């Protein structure tokens, strides 16, 4: 089985029981494709995405999966729950939308101009995205006020790597340029940005993903000079950061926060879980 599936399945089980000491193997069949993302909105209902437009949903915590038609053969990746019923799935040139926990899907948005790099929806209707120009490669910030059906693209491109919002107004953007790593904060819905943290390119950090935890707490993942995994935490809305985990030769790709204090991060060969807002981390024990 592809190792990407192993990572995502581990996330699934961890989300089902945040206090579980062991992880039981659940295979999302019938699915038949490489899994790119999997997320549960509660202990029973979840969605998984994959190659060739593959989509499936579960209502029993992942024991059984039902494949559904997505309407596209493009690879489907990032899953974003808007609320207990509505869910958005990102693919390279657009977004899919379901109003019934993933059982039926419609095209929410598609663009001939941009690739969709990342999305963040702090409310069901207000969302933010990073869009990459399909010709020039420039990366733009964008905002929606109708659940992703239409997007207002900010005119200024930048070396944007990721974004996360804790409410409709307050969010941060990661910037990875040729000579610096930066964190910008907005408190007006992305209209203006404030530089709040910076490191030179040859420094310790190489942040690639960020996610909001509880209150003023943020998490950021990346790598150090030796390409070892690195997890940083901020308790002041991104103004300062402290390393809370370092180790393992695996680049982290996924960062999810559940119930505000349970953080799950992983790469192709590694899963790490914290149940105490990032203070300590552990690898789940698998019973396969």
Foldseek 3Di string as FASTA:
>chain_A
DFLQQVQQQQVLQCQLPVPDQAREDADAPPFPFRWAHKDAPYNAWIWTFFAQGWIWITRGSRNYIDTDGAPGGFGWHDWDAQHNAKIWIFGQFAIWIGRGRRRDIDTQEGDPFWTWQDKEDLHQFWIKTWTAGPPPRFIWIWIGRGRRNDIDTDPDTAQWQEKYANHQWWIWTWHDDPWKTWIWITRGNPPDTDTQDMDTPQAFFDWRYKYAAPDLKIKTWFAGPVQWIWIWMDNHNPNDIDTQDTGDNFTKDDWDYDPRQWIWIHGSNFIWIDRGNRNDIDGRHYDD
